[in-house]
PDB file of N, CA and C in Angstrom:
ATOM      1  N   MET A   1     -16.719 -11.889   8.200  1.00  0.00           N
ATOM      2  CA  MET A   1     -15.897 -11.433   9.197  1.00  0.00           C
ATOM      3  C   MET A   1     -17.092  -9.788   9.127  1.00  0.00           C
ATOM      4  N   TYR A   2     -17.178  -9.462  10.343  1.00  0.00           N
ATOM      5  CA  TYR A   2     -17.615  -7.692  10.147  1.00  0.00           C
ATOM      6  C   TYR A   2     -16.901  -6.813  10.867  1.00  0.00           C
ATOM      7  N   VAL A   3     -17.003  -5.884  10.290  1.00  0.00           N
ATOM      8  CA  VAL A   3     -16.266  -4.267  10.436  1.00  0.00           C
ATOM      9  C   VAL A   3     -17.275  -3.921  11.135  1.00  0.00           C
ATOM     10  N   LYS A   4     -17.456  -3.806  12.042  1.00  0.00           N
ATOM     11  CA  LYS A   4     -18.592  -2.958  12.578  1.00  0.00           C
ATOM     12  C   LYS A   4     -20.193  -3.697  12.505  1.00  0.00           C
ATOM     13  N   ASP A   5     -20.273  -3.141  12.097  1.00  0.00           N
ATOM     14  CA  ASP A   5     -22.139  -4.189  11.525  1.00  0.00           C
ATOM     15  C   ASP A   5     -22.075  -4.891  10.011  1.00  0.00           C
ATOM     16  N   GLU A   6     -20.965  -4.423   9.491  1.00  0.00           N
ATOM     17  CA  GLU A   6     -20.980  -4.670   7.833  1.00  0.00           C
ATOM     18  C   GLU A   6     -20.407  -6.048   7.963  1.00  0.00           C
ATOM     19  N   LEU A   7     -20.847  -6.986   6.699  1.00  0.00           N
ATOM     20  CA  LEU A   7     -20.385  -8.513   6.752  1.00  0.00           C
ATOM     21  C   LEU A   7     -19.093  -8.027   5.888  1.00  0.00           C
ATOM     22  N   PHE A   8     -18.551  -8.858   5.819  1.00  0.00           N
ATOM     23  CA  PHE A   8     -17.105  -9.179   4.668  1.00  0.00           C
ATOM     24  C   PHE A   8     -17.034 -10.418   4.476  1.00  0.00           C
ATOM     25  N   PRO A   9     -17.802 -11.156   3.597  1.00  0.00           N
ATOM     26  CA  PRO A   9     -17.857 -12.875   3.520  1.00  0.00           C
ATOM     27  C   PRO A   9     -16.622 -13.117   3.101  1.00  0.00           C
ATOM     28  N   GLY A  10     -16.098 -14.142   3.013  1.00  0.00           N
ATOM     29  CA  GLY A  10     -14.414 -14.795   2.823  1.00  0.00           C
ATOM     30  C   GLY A  10     -14.035 -16.445   3.044  1.00  0.00           C
ATOM     31  N   THR A  11     -13.239 -16.907   2.916  1.00  0.00           N
ATOM     32  CA  THR A  11     -13.294 -18.705   2.943  1.00  0.00           C
ATOM     33  C   THR A  11     -11.514 -18.621   3.597  1.00  0.00           C
ATOM     34  N   SER A  12     -11.056 -19.842   4.257  1.00  0.00           N
ATOM     35  CA  SER A  12      -9.806 -19.455   4.561  1.00  0.00           C
ATOM     36  C   SER A  12      -8.807 -21.064   4.681  1.00  0.00           C
ATOM     37  N   THR A  13      -7.855 -21.274   4.487  1.00  0.00           N
ATOM     38  CA  THR A  13      -7.503 -22.167   5.067  1.00  0.00           C
ATOM     39  C   THR A  13      -6.094 -22.422   5.453  1.00  0.00           C
ATOM     40  N   ASN A  14      -5.957 -21.135   5.944  1.00  0.00           N
ATOM     41  CA  ASN A  14      -4.585 -20.762   5.989  1.00  0.00           C
ATOM     42  C   ASN A  14      -4.616 -19.784   7.094  1.00  0.00           C
ATOM     43  N   PHE A  15      -4.599 -20.540   8.078  1.00  0.00           N
ATOM     44  CA  PHE A  15      -4.680 -19.997   9.845  1.00  0.00           C
ATOM     45  C   PHE A  15      -3.870 -20.787  11.061  1.00  0.00           C
ATOM     46  N   GLY A  16      -3.801 -19.987  11.900  1.00  0.00           N
ATOM     47  CA  GLY A  16      -2.987 -20.369  13.573  1.00  0.00           C
ATOM     48  C   GLY A  16      -3.355 -19.667  14.412  1.00  0.00           C
ATOM     49  N   PRO A  17      -2.373 -19.867  15.425  1.00  0.00           N
ATOM     50  CA  PRO A  17      -3.159 -19.728  16.888  1.00  0.00           C
ATOM     51  C   PRO A  17      -3.298 -18.253  16.963  1.00  0.00           C
ATOM     52  N   THR A  18      -2.463 -17.081  16.238  1.00  0.00           N
ATOM     53  CA  THR A  18      -2.359 -15.913  16.347  1.00  0.00           C
ATOM     54  C   THR A  18      -2.827 -14.875  14.788  1.00  0.00           C
ATOM     55  N   GLY A  19      -3.581 -15.436  14.270  1.00  0.00           N
ATOM     56  CA  GLY A  19      -4.277 -15.121  13.290  1.00  0.00           C
ATOM     57  C   GLY A  19      -4.579 -15.830  12.271  1.00  0.00           C
ATOM     58  N   ILE A  20      -5.135 -15.287  10.759  1.00  0.00           N
ATOM     59  CA  ILE A  20      -5.762 -15.805   9.913  1.00  0.00           C
ATOM     60  C   ILE A  20      -5.624 -14.853   8.670  1.00  0.00           C
ATOM     61  N   LEU A  21      -5.558 -15.787   7.348  1.00  0.00           N
ATOM     62  CA  LEU A  21      -5.200 -15.509   6.007  1.00  0.00           C
ATOM     63  C   LEU A  21      -6.981 -15.399   5.816  1.00  0.00           C
ATOM     64  N   ILE A  22      -8.059 -14.483   5.570  1.00  0.00           N
ATOM     65  CA  ILE A  22      -9.191 -14.599   4.603  1.00  0.00           C
ATOM     66  C   ILE A  22      -9.010 -14.407   2.815  1.00  0.00           C
ATOM     67  N   LEU A  23      -9.457 -15.167   2.390  1.00  0.00           N
ATOM     68  CA  LEU A  23      -9.792 -14.877   0.749  1.00  0.00           C
ATOM     69  C   LEU A  23     -11.011 -14.086   0.327  1.00  0.00           C
ATOM     70  N   MET A  24     -10.716 -13.191   0.222  1.00  0.00           N
ATOM     71  CA  MET A  24     -11.978 -12.448  -0.173  1.00  0.00           C
ATOM     72  C   MET A  24     -12.337 -11.160  -1.504  1.00  0.00           C
ATOM     73  N   ASP A  25     -13.556 -11.068  -2.044  1.00  0.00           N
ATOM     74  CA  ASP A  25     -13.167  -9.665  -3.058  1.00  0.00           C
ATOM     75  C   ASP A  25     -13.384  -8.841  -2.425  1.00  0.00           C
ATOM     76  N   ASN A  26     -13.495  -8.303  -1.344  1.00  0.00           N
ATOM     77  CA  ASN A  26     -13.941  -7.346  -1.245  1.00  0.00           C
ATOM     78  C   ASN A  26     -12.886  -6.879   0.221  1.00  0.00           C
ATOM     79  N   PRO A  27     -11.727  -6.697   0.518  1.00  0.00           N
ATOM     80  CA  PRO A  27     -11.327  -6.715   1.830  1.00  0.00           C
ATOM     81  C   PRO A  27     -11.527  -5.326   2.261  1.00  0.00           C
ATOM     82  N   PRO A  28     -11.698  -5.423   3.708  1.00  0.00           N
ATOM     83  CA  PRO A  28     -11.543  -4.275   4.505  1.00  0.00           C
ATOM     84  C   PRO A  28     -10.385  -3.843   4.615  1.00  0.00           C
ATOM     85  N   MET A  29     -10.264  -2.335   5.216  1.00  0.00           N
ATOM     86  CA  MET A  29      -8.986  -1.396   5.028  1.00  0.00           C
ATOM     87  C   MET A  29      -7.659  -1.660   5.771  1.00  0.00           C
ATOM     88  N   LEU A  30      -6.833  -1.750   6.006  1.00  0.00           N
ATOM     89  CA  LEU A  30      -5.753  -2.062   7.015  1.00  0.00           C
ATOM     90  C   LEU A  30      -5.889  -1.187   8.254  1.00  0.00           C
ATOM     91  N   GLY A  31      -5.718  -2.060   9.025  1.00  0.00           N
ATOM     92  CA  GLY A  31      -5.929  -1.177  10.581  1.00  0.00           C
ATOM     93  C   GLY A  31      -6.788  -1.710  11.254  1.00  0.00           C
ATOM     94  N   GLU A  32      -8.286  -1.782  10.465  1.00  0.00           N
ATOM     95  CA  GLU A  32      -9.586  -1.977  10.847  1.00  0.00           C
ATOM     96  C   GLU A  32     -10.050  -2.906  11.763  1.00  0.00           C
ATOM     97  N   GLU A  33     -10.469  -2.854  13.124  1.00  0.00           N
ATOM     98  CA  GLU A  33     -10.638  -3.845  13.936  1.00  0.00           C
ATOM     99  C   GLU A  33     -11.704  -4.437  13.271  1.00  0.00           C
ATOM    100  N   VAL A  34     -12.278  -6.106  13.402  1.00  0.00           N
ATOM    101  CA  VAL A  34     -12.746  -6.656  13.076  1.00  0.00           C
ATOM    102  C   VAL A  34     -13.531  -7.677  14.081  1.00  0.00           C
ATOM    103  N   ARG A  35     -14.380  -8.333  14.051  1.00  0.00           N
ATOM    104  CA  ARG A  35     -15.197  -9.513  14.653  1.00  0.00           C
ATOM    105  C   ARG A  35     -15.053 -11.064  13.329  1.00  0.00           C
ATOM    106  N   LEU A  36     -14.425 -11.661  14.015  1.00  0.00           N
ATOM    107  CA  LEU A  36     -14.902 -13.252  13.076  1.00  0.00           C
ATOM    108  C   LEU A  36     -15.782 -13.968  13.214  1.00  0.00           C
ATOM    109  N   LYS A  37     -16.178 -14.879  12.855  1.00  0.00           N
ATOM    110  CA  LYS A  37     -17.074 -15.977  12.746  1.00  0.00           C
ATOM    111  C   LYS A  37     -16.138 -17.222  12.053  1.00  0.00           C
ATOM    112  N   ILE A  38     -16.092 -17.766  12.721  1.00  0.00           N
ATOM    113  CA  ILE A  38     -14.969 -19.195  11.799  1.00  0.00           C
ATOM    114  C   ILE A  38     -15.504 -20.416  12.531  1.00  0.00           C
ATOM    115  N   HIS A  39     -16.166 -21.179  11.109  1.00  0.00           N
ATOM    116  CA  HIS A  39     -16.405 -22.239  11.297  1.00  0.00           C
ATOM    117  C   HIS A  39     -15.161 -23.358  10.586  1.00  0.00           C
ATOM    118  N   PHE A  40     -15.331 -24.154  11.640  1.00  0.00           N
ATOM    119  CA  PHE A  40     -14.149 -25.468  11.209  1.00  0.00           C
ATOM    120  C   PHE A  40     -14.984 -26.779  11.257  1.00  0.00           C
ATOM    121  N   PRO A  41     -14.674 -27.963  10.244  1.00  0.00           N
ATOM    122  CA  PRO A  41     -15.402 -29.235   9.732  1.00  0.00           C
ATOM    123  C   PRO A  41     -15.768 -29.716  11.026  1.00  0.00           C
ATOM    124  N   ASP A  42     -14.700 -29.874  12.055  1.00  0.00           N
ATOM    125  CA  ASP A  42     -14.758 -31.030  13.074  1.00  0.00           C
ATOM    126  C   ASP A  42     -15.703 -30.308  13.992  1.00  0.00           C
ATOM    127  N   VAL A  43     -15.834 -28.865  14.555  1.00  0.00           N
ATOM    128  CA  VAL A  43     -16.598 -27.961  15.248  1.00  0.00           C
ATOM    129  C   VAL A  43     -17.707 -27.514  15.477  1.00  0.00           C
ATOM    130  N   PRO A  44     -18.918 -27.831  16.438  1.00  0.00           N
ATOM    131  CA  PRO A  44     -20.127 -27.829  15.778  1.00  0.00           C
ATOM    132  C   PRO A  44     -20.619 -26.395  15.837  1.00  0.00           C
ATOM    133  N   ASN A  45     -20.171 -25.437  16.904  1.00  0.00           N
ATOM    134  CA  ASN A  45     -20.916 -24.348  16.636  1.00  0.00           C
ATOM    135  C   ASN A  45     -19.105 -23.246  15.980  1.00  0.00           C
ATOM    136  N   PRO A  46     -19.688 -21.897  15.304  1.00  0.00           N
ATOM    137  CA  PRO A  46     -18.429 -21.466  15.038  1.00  0.00           C
ATOM    138  C   PRO A  46     -17.984 -20.730  16.139  1.00  0.00           C
ATOM    139  N   VAL A  47     -16.774 -20.359  16.155  1.00  0.00           N
ATOM    140  CA  VAL A  47     -15.785 -19.751  17.179  1.00  0.00           C
ATOM    141  C   VAL A  47     -15.750 -18.496  16.937  1.00  0.00           C
ATOM    142  N   GLU A  48     -16.005 -17.673  17.594  1.00  0.00           N
ATOM    143  CA  GLU A  48     -16.046 -15.595  17.523  1.00  0.00           C
ATOM    144  C   GLU A  48     -14.478 -15.292  18.391  1.00  0.00           C
ATOM    145  N   VAL A  49     -13.767 -14.005  17.183  1.00  0.00           N
ATOM    146  CA  VAL A  49     -13.071 -13.829  17.935  1.00  0.00           C
ATOM    147  C   VAL A  49     -12.329 -12.649  17.352  1.00  0.00           C
ATOM    148  N   LYS A  50     -11.863 -11.406  17.826  1.00  0.00           N
ATOM    149  CA  LYS A  50     -11.511 -10.377  17.487  1.00  0.00           C
ATOM    150  C   LYS A  50     -10.164 -10.309  16.580  1.00  0.00           C
ATOM    151  N   GLY A  51     -10.208  -9.388  15.703  1.00  0.00           N
ATOM    152  CA  GLY A  51      -8.802  -8.871  15.426  1.00  0.00           C
ATOM    153  C   GLY A  51      -8.767  -7.632  14.679  1.00  0.00           C
ATOM    154  N   GLU A  52      -7.524  -7.864  14.003  1.00  0.00           N
ATOM    155  CA  GLU A  52      -7.008  -6.487  13.648  1.00  0.00           C
ATOM    156  C   GLU A  52      -6.462  -6.431  12.021  1.00  0.00           C
ATOM    157  N   VAL A  53      -7.148  -5.893  10.581  1.00  0.00           N
ATOM    158  CA  VAL A  53      -6.254  -6.091   9.619  1.00  0.00           C
ATOM    159  C   VAL A  53      -4.915  -5.756   9.762  1.00  0.00           C
ATOM    160  N   VAL A  54      -4.147  -6.573   9.495  1.00  0.00           N
ATOM    161  CA  VAL A  54      -2.760  -6.646   9.268  1.00  0.00           C
ATOM    162  C   VAL A  54      -2.209  -6.184   8.082  1.00  0.00           C
ATOM    163  N   TRP A  55      -2.848  -6.689   6.720  1.00  0.00           N
ATOM    164  CA  TRP A  55      -2.395  -7.008   5.838  1.00  0.00           C
ATOM    165  C   TRP A  55      -3.697  -6.859   5.120  1.00  0.00           C
ATOM    166  N   THR A  56      -3.588  -6.483   3.632  1.00  0.00           N
ATOM    167  CA  THR A  56      -4.702  -6.048   2.476  1.00  0.00           C
ATOM    168  C   THR A  56      -4.628  -6.199   1.246  1.00  0.00           C
ATOM    169  N   ASN A  57      -5.242  -6.742   0.654  1.00  0.00           N
ATOM    170  CA  ASN A  57      -4.913  -6.688  -0.907  1.00  0.00           C
ATOM    171  C   ASN A  57      -5.901  -6.792  -2.062  1.00  0.00           C
ATOM    172  N   PRO A  58      -7.077  -5.583  -2.455  1.00  0.00           N
ATOM    173  CA  PRO A  58      -7.803  -5.766  -2.612  1.00  0.00           C
ATOM    174  C   PRO A  58      -7.668  -5.886  -4.788  1.00  0.00           C
ATOM    175  N   PHE A  59      -6.838  -5.985  -5.018  1.00  0.00           N
ATOM    176  CA  PHE A  59      -6.537  -5.915  -6.331  1.00  0.00           C
ATOM    177  C   PHE A  59      -5.708  -7.455  -6.668  1.00  0.00           C
ATOM    178  N   GLY A  60      -5.778  -8.126  -5.868  1.00  0.00           N
ATOM    179  CA  GLY A  60      -5.339  -9.795  -5.992  1.00  0.00           C
ATOM    180  C   GLY A  60      -6.204 -10.581  -7.198  1.00  0.00           C
ATOM    181  N   GLY A  61      -5.345 -11.128  -7.680  1.00  0.00           N
ATOM    182  CA  GLY A  61      -5.674 -11.605  -9.060  1.00  0.00           C
ATOM    183  C   GLY A  61      -5.688 -13.245  -8.954  1.00  0.00           C
ATOM    184  N   THR A  62      -5.147 -14.141  -9.827  1.00  0.00           N
ATOM    185  CA  THR A  62      -4.890 -15.507  -9.711  1.00  0.00           C
ATOM    186  C   THR A  62      -3.981 -15.849  -8.774  1.00  0.00           C
ATOM    187  N   ASP A  63      -2.590 -15.367  -8.572  1.00  0.00           N
ATOM    188  CA  ASP A  63      -1.565 -15.548  -8.200  1.00  0.00           C
ATOM    189  C   ASP A  63      -1.778 -15.945  -6.645  1.00  0.00           C
ATOM    190  N   PRO A  64      -1.291 -17.494  -6.270  1.00  0.00           N
ATOM    191  CA  PRO A  64      -1.456 -17.533  -5.278  1.00  0.00           C
ATOM    192  C   PRO A  64      -0.826 -16.715  -4.307  1.00  0.00           C
ATOM    193  N   ALA A  65       0.661 -16.544  -4.388  1.00  0.00           N
ATOM    194  CA  ALA A  65       1.487 -15.819  -3.822  1.00  0.00           C
ATOM    195  C   ALA A  65       1.042 -14.564  -3.290  1.00  0.00           C
ATOM    196  N   ILE A  66      -0.080 -13.763  -4.328  1.00  0.00           N
ATOM    197  CA  ILE A  66      -0.314 -12.610  -3.859  1.00  0.00           C
ATOM    198  C   ILE A  66      -1.977 -12.715  -4.033  1.00  0.00           C
ATOM    199  N   PRO A  67      -2.415 -13.201  -2.672  1.00  0.00           N
ATOM    200  CA  PRO A  67      -3.956 -13.531  -3.020  1.00  0.00           C
ATOM    201  C   PRO A  67      -4.543 -12.162  -2.613  1.00  0.00           C
ATOM    202  N   LYS A  68      -6.281 -12.196  -3.101  1.00  0.00           N
ATOM    203  CA  LYS A  68      -7.120 -11.014  -2.893  1.00  0.00           C
ATOM    204  C   LYS A  68      -7.746 -11.301  -1.627  1.00  0.00           C
ATOM    205  N   GLY A  69      -7.677 -10.421  -0.209  1.00  0.00           N
ATOM    206  CA  GLY A  69      -7.872 -10.738   0.755  1.00  0.00           C
ATOM    207  C   GLY A  69      -7.210  -9.409   1.513  1.00  0.00           C
ATOM    208  N   CYS A  70      -7.191 -10.522   2.714  1.00  0.00           N
ATOM    209  CA  CYS A  70      -6.552  -9.702   4.109  1.00  0.00           C
ATOM    210  C   CYS A  70      -6.308 -10.889   5.048  1.00  0.00           C
ATOM    211  N   GLY A  71      -4.935 -10.011   5.645  1.00  0.00           N
ATOM    212  CA  GLY A  71      -4.676 -10.901   7.013  1.00  0.00           C
ATOM    213  C   GLY A  71      -5.276 -10.131   8.537  1.00  0.00           C
ATOM    214  N   VAL A  72      -5.422 -10.866   9.097  1.00  0.00           N
ATOM    215  CA  VAL A  72      -6.109 -10.827  10.566  1.00  0.00           C
ATOM    216  C   VAL A  72      -4.882 -11.296  12.018  1.00  0.00           C
ATOM    217  N   LYS A  73      -4.585 -10.172  12.403  1.00  0.00           N
ATOM    218  CA  LYS A  73      -3.714 -11.148  13.694  1.00  0.00           C
ATOM    219  C   LYS A  73      -4.722 -10.671  14.842  1.00  0.00           C
ATOM    220  N   PHE A  74      -5.619 -11.938  15.261  1.00  0.00           N
ATOM    221  CA  PHE A  74      -5.971 -12.011  16.432  1.00  0.00           C
ATOM    222  C   PHE A  74      -5.730 -10.938  17.938  1.00  0.00           C
ATOM    223  N   THR A  75      -6.797 -10.069  18.303  1.00  0.00           N
ATOM    224  CA  THR A  75      -6.373  -9.757  19.525  1.00  0.00           C
ATOM    225  C   THR A  75      -7.250 -10.142  20.662  1.00  0.00           C
ATOM    226  N   GLY A  76      -6.577 -10.257  21.862  1.00  0.00           N
ATOM    227  CA  GLY A  76      -7.581 -10.574  23.017  1.00  0.00           C
ATOM    228  C   GLY A  76      -7.669 -11.631  23.141  1.00  0.00           C
ATOM    229  N   ILE A  77      -7.031 -12.503  22.336  1.00  0.00           N
ATOM    230  CA  ILE A  77      -7.398 -14.017  22.829  1.00  0.00           C
ATOM    231  C   ILE A  77      -7.165 -15.063  23.419  1.00  0.00           C
ATOM    232  N   LEU A  78      -7.584 -15.608  24.152  1.00  0.00           N
ATOM    233  CA  LEU A  78      -7.469 -16.220  25.264  1.00  0.00           C
ATOM    234  C   LEU A  78      -6.669 -17.441  25.236  1.00  0.00           C
ATOM    235  N   PRO A  79      -5.663 -17.616  26.274  1.00  0.00           N
ATOM    236  CA  PRO A  79      -4.742 -18.817  25.897  1.00  0.00           C
ATOM    237  C   PRO A  79      -5.426 -20.051  25.406  1.00  0.00           C
ATOM    238  N   ASP A  80      -6.529 -20.626  26.318  1.00  0.00           N
ATOM    239  CA  ASP A  80      -7.294 -21.454  25.461  1.00  0.00           C
ATOM    240  C   ASP A  80      -7.521 -22.041  24.318  1.00  0.00           C
ATOM    241  N   LEU A  81      -8.156 -20.809  24.045  1.00  0.00           N
ATOM    242  CA  LEU A  81      -8.633 -20.597  22.526  1.00  0.00           C
ATOM    243  C   LEU A  81      -7.590 -20.961  21.595  1.00  0.00           C
ATOM    244  N   GLN A  82      -6.272 -20.033  22.182  1.00  0.00           N
ATOM    245  CA  GLN A  82      -5.140 -19.605  21.054  1.00  0.00           C
ATOM    246  C   GLN A  82      -4.904 -21.303  21.058  1.00  0.00           C
ATOM    247  N   SER A  83      -4.194 -22.041  21.740  1.00  0.00           N
ATOM    248  CA  SER A  83      -4.447 -23.788  22.033  1.00  0.00           C
ATOM    249  C   SER A  83      -5.436 -24.371  21.034  1.00  0.00           C
ATOM    250  N   ILE A  84      -6.015 -24.015  21.354  1.00  0.00           N
ATOM    251  CA  ILE A  84      -6.965 -24.729  20.072  1.00  0.00           C
ATOM    252  C   ILE A  84      -7.034 -24.736  19.122  1.00  0.00           C
ATOM    253  N   PHE A  85      -6.700 -23.156  18.329  1.00  0.00           N
ATOM    254  CA  PHE A  85      -6.717 -22.976  17.000  1.00  0.00           C
ATOM    255  C   PHE A  85      -5.015 -23.221  16.691  1.00  0.00           C
ATOM    256  N   SER A  86      -3.969 -23.538  17.285  1.00  0.00           N
ATOM    257  CA  SER A  86      -2.929 -24.134  17.537  1.00  0.00           C
ATOM    258  C   SER A  86      -3.288 -25.466  16.716  1.00  0.00           C
ATOM    259  N   ASN A  87      -3.766 -26.307  17.960  1.00  0.00           N
ATOM    260  CA  ASN A  87      -3.986 -27.585  17.474  1.00  0.00           C
ATOM    261  C   ASN A  87      -4.973 -27.918  15.952  1.00  0.00           C
ATOM    262  N   ILE A  88      -5.746 -27.232  16.106  1.00  0.00           N
ATOM    263  CA  ILE A  88      -6.224 -27.569  14.650  1.00  0.00           C
ATOM    264  C   ILE A  88      -6.160 -27.031  13.077  1.00  0.00           C
ATOM    265  N   SER A  89      -4.946 -25.907  13.436  1.00  0.00           N
ATOM    266  CA  SER A  89      -3.965 -25.268  12.131  1.00  0.00           C
ATOM    267  C   SER A  89      -3.108 -26.333  12.204  1.00  0.00           C
ATOM    268  N   PHE A  90      -2.714 -27.193  12.973  1.00  0.00           N
ATOM    269  CA  PHE A  90      -1.833 -28.460  12.574  1.00  0.00           C
ATOM    270  C   PHE A  90      -2.194 -29.573  12.085  1.00  0.00           C
ATOM    271  N   ARG A  91      -3.284 -30.014  12.084  1.00  0.00           N
ATOM    272  CA  ARG A  91      -3.998 -30.962  11.177  1.00  0.00           C
ATOM    273  C   ARG A  91      -3.667 -30.422   9.872  1.00  0.00           C
ATOM    274  N   TYR A  92      -3.934 -29.308  10.177  1.00  0.00           N
ATOM    275  CA  TYR A  92      -3.854 -28.803   8.221  1.00  0.00           C
ATOM    276  C   TYR A  92      -2.449 -28.444   7.700  1.00  0.00           C
ATOM    277  N   HIS A  93      -1.728 -27.789   8.391  1.00  0.00           N
ATOM    278  CA  HIS A  93      -0.178 -27.568   8.265  1.00  0.00           C
ATOM    279  C   HIS A  93       0.642 -28.024   9.156  1.00  0.00           C
ATOM    280  N   PRO A  94       1.084 -29.400   9.402  1.00  0.00           N
ATOM    281  CA  PRO A  94       1.924 -30.108  10.258  1.00  0.00           C
ATOM    282  C   PRO A  94       3.368 -29.595  10.190  1.00  0.00           C
ATOM    283  N   GLN A  95       3.677 -28.919   9.289  1.00  0.00           N
ATOM    284  CA  GLN A  95       5.045 -27.439   9.393  1.00  0.00           C
ATOM    285  C   GLN A  95       4.771 -26.586   9.609  1.00  0.00           C
ATOM    286  N   GLY A  96       3.559 -26.221   9.588  1.00  0.00           N
ATOM    287  CA  GLY A  96       3.078 -24.533  10.157  1.00  0.00           C
ATOM    288  C   GLY A  96       3.164 -23.540   8.518  1.00  0.00           C
ATOM    289  N   ASP A  97       2.292 -23.245   8.869  1.00  0.00           N
ATOM    290  CA  ASP A  97       1.424 -22.626   7.820  1.00  0.00           C
ATOM    291  C   ASP A  97       2.555 -21.373   6.901  1.00  0.00           C
ATOM    292  N   PRO A  98       2.010 -22.148   5.671  1.00  0.00           N
ATOM    293  CA  PRO A  98       3.137 -21.495   4.901  1.00  0.00           C
ATOM    294  C   PRO A  98       3.111 -20.180   4.630  1.00  0.00           C
ATOM    295  N   LEU A  99       1.867 -19.721   4.909  1.00  0.00           N
ATOM    296  CA  LEU A  99       1.294 -18.308   4.674  1.00  0.00           C
ATOM    297  C   LEU A  99       0.994 -17.216   5.412  1.00  0.00           C
ATOM    298  N   LYS A 100       1.582 -17.609   7.209  1.00  0.00           N
ATOM    299  CA  LYS A 100       1.204 -16.966   7.799  1.00  0.00           C
ATOM    300  C   LYS A 100       2.344 -15.551   8.253  1.00  0.00           C
ATOM    301  N   PHE A 101       3.108 -15.220   7.222  1.00  0.00           N
ATOM    302  CA  PHE A 101       3.641 -13.861   7.255  1.00  0.00           C
ATOM    303  C   PHE A 101       2.533 -13.025   6.763  1.00  0.00           C
ATOM    304  N   PHE A 102       0.825 -13.551   6.149  1.00  0.00           N
ATOM    305  CA  PHE A 102       0.309 -12.704   6.061  1.00  0.00           C
ATOM    306  C   PHE A 102      -0.487 -11.930   7.304  1.00  0.00           C
ATOM    307  N   TYR A 103      -0.048 -12.692   8.305  1.00  0.00           N
ATOM    308  CA  TYR A 103      -1.236 -11.978   9.495  1.00  0.00           C
ATOM    309  C   TYR A 103      -0.227 -11.973  10.239  1.00  0.00           C
ATOM    310  N   SER A 104       1.032 -12.605  10.935  1.00  0.00           N
ATOM    311  CA  SER A 104       1.726 -11.880  11.913  1.00  0.00           C
ATOM    312  C   SER A 104       2.378 -11.302  12.561  1.00  0.00           C
TER     313      SER A 104
END
């Protein structure tokens, strides 16, 4: 994830067609506009999207219910890409992402 030109590395297994929860040591501040390069296992090239930080927790510990990281809501995402994200996320979470409230 990039805020302006600064890189904020992180990982995620929780995402959907409207956003993503990213686990990271140093999350950006609430309201920051970000650029994401998302790497999926079955997709050869990273997918680039823009978003806004809608939830952040720089103090999280080992409790998975309150992770250290941030939630990003995608902005300006085209319907085709939103559909692709929906299909990919369904493979990981057939009943829906249980942590989507972090980025919805």
